N, C-alpha and C. Protein backbone atom coordinates (compact mmCIF):
# COMPACT_ATOMS: atom_id res chain seq x y z
N MET A 1 0.85 -1.18 0.00
CA MET A 1 0.00 0.00 0.00
C MET A 1 0.90 1.24 0.00
N ASN A 2 0.40 2.30 -0.57
CA ASN A 2 1.11 3.58 -0.64
C ASN A 2 0.32 4.60 0.17
N TYR A 3 1.02 5.41 0.94
CA TYR A 3 0.37 6.34 1.84
C TYR A 3 0.81 7.78 1.58
N ILE A 4 -0.15 8.67 1.69
CA ILE A 4 0.10 10.11 1.74
C ILE A 4 -0.18 10.50 3.18
N TYR A 5 0.68 11.31 3.75
CA TYR A 5 0.48 11.69 5.14
C TYR A 5 0.79 13.16 5.34
N ILE A 6 0.17 13.71 6.37
CA ILE A 6 0.50 15.05 6.84
C ILE A 6 0.87 14.90 8.30
N ILE A 7 2.03 15.45 8.64
CA ILE A 7 2.45 15.43 10.03
C ILE A 7 2.57 16.87 10.52
N GLU A 8 2.33 17.04 11.80
CA GLU A 8 2.53 18.33 12.44
C GLU A 8 3.85 18.29 13.19
N CYS A 9 4.69 19.25 12.90
CA CYS A 9 5.99 19.34 13.56
C CYS A 9 5.86 20.07 14.89
N LYS A 10 6.89 19.97 15.72
CA LYS A 10 6.83 20.58 17.06
C LYS A 10 6.65 22.08 17.00
N ASP A 11 7.01 22.72 15.89
CA ASP A 11 6.82 24.17 15.77
C ASP A 11 5.46 24.53 15.18
N GLY A 12 4.60 23.52 14.98
CA GLY A 12 3.26 23.75 14.48
C GLY A 12 3.13 23.75 12.97
N THR A 13 4.24 23.63 12.26
CA THR A 13 4.17 23.58 10.81
C THR A 13 3.73 22.19 10.35
N LEU A 14 3.25 22.13 9.11
CA LEU A 14 2.76 20.88 8.55
C LEU A 14 3.70 20.41 7.44
N TYR A 15 3.90 19.11 7.38
CA TYR A 15 4.74 18.50 6.35
C TYR A 15 3.93 17.39 5.68
N THR A 16 3.94 17.36 4.36
CA THR A 16 3.23 16.34 3.60
C THR A 16 4.24 15.43 2.92
N GLY A 17 4.00 14.13 3.00
CA GLY A 17 4.92 13.19 2.39
C GLY A 17 4.22 11.95 1.86
N TRP A 18 5.02 11.07 1.28
CA TRP A 18 4.55 9.82 0.70
C TRP A 18 5.46 8.69 1.19
N THR A 19 4.86 7.51 1.42
CA THR A 19 5.64 6.36 1.88
C THR A 19 4.88 5.06 1.61
N VAL A 20 5.59 3.95 1.71
CA VAL A 20 4.94 2.63 1.64
C VAL A 20 4.84 2.01 3.03
N ASN A 21 5.52 2.60 4.01
CA ASN A 21 5.50 2.07 5.38
C ASN A 21 5.37 3.24 6.34
N ILE A 22 4.16 3.53 6.74
CA ILE A 22 3.90 4.74 7.54
C ILE A 22 4.56 4.67 8.91
N GLU A 23 4.55 3.52 9.55
CA GLU A 23 5.16 3.41 10.88
C GLU A 23 6.66 3.69 10.82
N LYS A 24 7.32 3.09 9.85
CA LYS A 24 8.76 3.29 9.70
C LYS A 24 9.08 4.74 9.36
N ARG A 25 8.26 5.33 8.49
CA ARG A 25 8.50 6.72 8.07
C ARG A 25 8.33 7.68 9.25
N LEU A 26 7.29 7.49 10.04
CA LEU A 26 7.08 8.35 11.21
C LEU A 26 8.23 8.19 12.20
N ALA A 27 8.69 6.97 12.38
CA ALA A 27 9.83 6.73 13.28
C ALA A 27 11.06 7.49 12.80
N LYS A 28 11.30 7.46 11.48
CA LYS A 28 12.45 8.19 10.94
C LYS A 28 12.31 9.70 11.15
N HIS A 29 11.11 10.21 10.91
CA HIS A 29 10.89 11.65 11.16
C HIS A 29 11.18 11.98 12.62
N ASN A 30 10.76 11.11 13.52
CA ASN A 30 10.94 11.37 14.95
C ASN A 30 12.36 11.13 15.44
N LEU A 31 13.19 10.56 14.59
CA LEU A 31 14.62 10.42 14.90
C LEU A 31 15.43 11.55 14.26
N GLY A 32 14.74 12.39 13.48
CA GLY A 32 15.42 13.50 12.82
C GLY A 32 16.08 13.12 11.52
N ILE A 33 15.72 11.95 10.97
CA ILE A 33 16.32 11.51 9.71
C ILE A 33 15.27 11.27 8.62
N GLY A 34 14.05 11.73 8.84
CA GLY A 34 12.98 11.48 7.88
C GLY A 34 13.00 12.37 6.68
N ALA A 35 13.34 13.63 6.87
CA ALA A 35 13.37 14.60 5.78
C ALA A 35 14.16 15.81 6.24
N LYS A 36 14.73 16.51 5.30
CA LYS A 36 15.50 17.71 5.63
C LYS A 36 14.63 18.72 6.40
N TYR A 37 13.37 18.87 5.96
CA TYR A 37 12.48 19.83 6.58
C TYR A 37 12.20 19.49 8.05
N THR A 38 11.97 18.23 8.34
CA THR A 38 11.58 17.83 9.70
C THR A 38 12.78 17.58 10.61
N LYS A 39 13.97 17.61 10.05
CA LYS A 39 15.18 17.29 10.82
C LYS A 39 15.30 18.12 12.10
N ALA A 40 14.99 19.39 12.02
CA ALA A 40 15.10 20.27 13.19
C ALA A 40 13.74 20.54 13.83
N ARG A 41 12.70 19.83 13.37
CA ARG A 41 11.35 20.12 13.84
C ARG A 41 10.66 18.92 14.48
N PHE A 42 11.42 17.90 14.86
CA PHE A 42 10.78 16.75 15.49
C PHE A 42 10.73 16.95 17.00
N PRO A 43 9.82 16.32 17.71
CA PRO A 43 8.96 15.22 17.28
C PRO A 43 7.79 15.70 16.41
N VAL A 44 7.26 14.75 15.65
CA VAL A 44 6.12 15.03 14.78
C VAL A 44 4.95 14.16 15.19
N ILE A 45 3.76 14.59 14.80
CA ILE A 45 2.53 13.86 15.10
C ILE A 45 1.77 13.65 13.79
N LEU A 46 1.30 12.44 13.56
CA LEU A 46 0.51 12.15 12.37
C LEU A 46 -0.84 12.85 12.49
N ARG A 47 -1.19 13.64 11.48
CA ARG A 47 -2.45 14.37 11.48
C ARG A 47 -3.39 13.95 10.37
N TYR A 48 -2.85 13.28 9.32
CA TYR A 48 -3.68 12.89 8.18
C TYR A 48 -3.02 11.72 7.46
N LEU A 49 -3.86 10.82 6.93
CA LEU A 49 -3.35 9.65 6.23
C LEU A 49 -4.34 9.24 5.15
N GLU A 50 -3.83 8.97 3.96
CA GLU A 50 -4.62 8.45 2.84
C GLU A 50 -3.91 7.23 2.29
N GLU A 51 -4.67 6.24 1.84
CA GLU A 51 -4.11 5.05 1.20
C GLU A 51 -4.34 5.14 -0.30
N HIS A 52 -3.35 4.69 -1.07
CA HIS A 52 -3.46 4.64 -2.52
C HIS A 52 -2.90 3.31 -3.00
N ALA A 53 -3.54 2.77 -4.04
CA ALA A 53 -3.13 1.47 -4.56
C ALA A 53 -1.81 1.54 -5.32
N SER A 54 -1.58 2.65 -6.03
CA SER A 54 -0.36 2.74 -6.83
C SER A 54 0.54 3.88 -6.38
N LYS A 55 1.81 3.70 -6.62
CA LYS A 55 2.80 4.73 -6.30
C LYS A 55 2.51 6.01 -7.08
N GLN A 56 2.13 5.85 -8.33
CA GLN A 56 1.85 7.01 -9.17
C GLN A 56 0.68 7.83 -8.63
N ASP A 57 -0.38 7.16 -8.22
CA ASP A 57 -1.54 7.87 -7.65
C ASP A 57 -1.15 8.59 -6.36
N ALA A 58 -0.37 7.92 -5.54
CA ALA A 58 0.06 8.51 -4.27
C ALA A 58 0.93 9.74 -4.49
N MET A 59 1.86 9.64 -5.41
CA MET A 59 2.75 10.77 -5.66
C MET A 59 2.00 11.95 -6.30
N LYS A 60 1.03 11.65 -7.14
CA LYS A 60 0.20 12.71 -7.72
C LYS A 60 -0.59 13.42 -6.63
N ARG A 61 -1.17 12.65 -5.73
CA ARG A 61 -1.95 13.23 -4.64
C ARG A 61 -1.06 14.02 -3.68
N GLU A 62 0.13 13.52 -3.42
CA GLU A 62 1.07 14.24 -2.55
C GLU A 62 1.36 15.62 -3.14
N TRP A 63 1.63 15.67 -4.42
CA TRP A 63 1.93 16.94 -5.08
C TRP A 63 0.73 17.88 -5.00
N GLU A 64 -0.46 17.33 -5.16
CA GLU A 64 -1.69 18.12 -5.07
C GLU A 64 -1.83 18.74 -3.67
N ILE A 65 -1.64 17.92 -2.65
CA ILE A 65 -1.78 18.41 -1.27
C ILE A 65 -0.69 19.42 -0.93
N LYS A 66 0.51 19.20 -1.41
CA LYS A 66 1.60 20.14 -1.12
C LYS A 66 1.31 21.54 -1.66
N LYS A 67 0.49 21.64 -2.69
CA LYS A 67 0.13 22.94 -3.24
C LYS A 67 -1.00 23.62 -2.47
N TYR A 68 -1.67 22.88 -1.58
CA TYR A 68 -2.76 23.45 -0.79
C TYR A 68 -2.22 24.51 0.17
N LYS A 69 -3.07 25.47 0.46
CA LYS A 69 -2.75 26.44 1.52
C LYS A 69 -2.92 25.72 2.87
N ARG A 70 -2.32 26.28 3.88
CA ARG A 70 -2.36 25.69 5.22
C ARG A 70 -3.79 25.43 5.69
N THR A 71 -4.69 26.37 5.43
CA THR A 71 -6.07 26.21 5.89
C THR A 71 -6.73 24.97 5.28
N LYS A 72 -6.46 24.71 4.02
CA LYS A 72 -7.05 23.52 3.38
C LYS A 72 -6.42 22.25 3.93
N LYS A 73 -5.12 22.28 4.21
CA LYS A 73 -4.46 21.11 4.82
C LYS A 73 -5.06 20.84 6.21
N LEU A 74 -5.30 21.91 6.96
CA LEU A 74 -5.89 21.74 8.29
C LEU A 74 -7.31 21.18 8.19
N GLU A 75 -8.06 21.56 7.17
CA GLU A 75 -9.39 21.00 6.96
C GLU A 75 -9.30 19.49 6.73
N LEU A 76 -8.33 19.06 5.92
CA LEU A 76 -8.12 17.62 5.71
C LEU A 76 -7.81 16.92 7.03
N CYS A 77 -6.90 17.51 7.78
CA CYS A 77 -6.50 16.93 9.07
C CYS A 77 -7.69 16.82 10.01
N ASN A 78 -8.49 17.87 10.09
CA ASN A 78 -9.65 17.86 10.99
C ASN A 78 -10.68 16.84 10.56
N SER A 79 -10.93 16.71 9.25
CA SER A 79 -11.92 15.73 8.79
C SER A 79 -11.43 14.31 9.06
N TRP A 80 -10.13 14.07 8.90
CA TRP A 80 -9.57 12.75 9.17
C TRP A 80 -9.66 12.43 10.66
N SER A 81 -9.35 13.41 11.48
CA SER A 81 -9.41 13.23 12.92
C SER A 81 -10.84 12.92 13.38
N GLN A 82 -11.81 13.64 12.85
CA GLN A 82 -13.20 13.39 13.20
C GLN A 82 -13.65 12.01 12.73
N HIS A 83 -13.22 11.62 11.56
CA HIS A 83 -13.56 10.31 11.02
C HIS A 83 -12.99 9.20 11.90
N ARG A 84 -11.76 9.38 12.34
CA ARG A 84 -11.11 8.38 13.20
C ARG A 84 -11.80 8.29 14.55
N SER A 85 -12.19 9.43 15.11
CA SER A 85 -12.82 9.42 16.44
C SER A 85 -14.18 8.73 16.41
N LYS A 86 -14.86 8.77 15.27
CA LYS A 86 -16.16 8.08 15.17
C LYS A 86 -15.98 6.58 15.17
N LYS A 87 -14.81 6.11 14.70
CA LYS A 87 -14.54 4.68 14.66
C LYS A 87 -13.98 4.16 15.97
N ALA A 88 -13.52 5.03 16.83
CA ALA A 88 -12.88 4.62 18.08
C ALA A 88 -13.90 4.03 19.04
N PRO A 89 -13.52 2.99 19.78
CA PRO A 89 -14.44 2.41 20.77
C PRO A 89 -14.69 3.39 21.91
N VAL A 90 -15.87 3.32 22.47
CA VAL A 90 -16.25 4.22 23.56
C VAL A 90 -15.81 3.68 24.89
């Protein structure tokens, strides 16, 4: 599976990326070796996640999201968070 993700850095900024292993990628970001941008901004928190069947679709979507303004990225994060909370056991 291919994943698009948005993480929130410790300084409140958002980073969008693509990976095939979300757990491993988040661990790398939190070790300061995930990306040049997040190197000085960890720890990070996962705020959004999408699954895609193909690498090409995932990379296309990543590029699309990276062009979004912060407000639209936050809307994605909030909708994903609300969706997840509805699935959580009470």
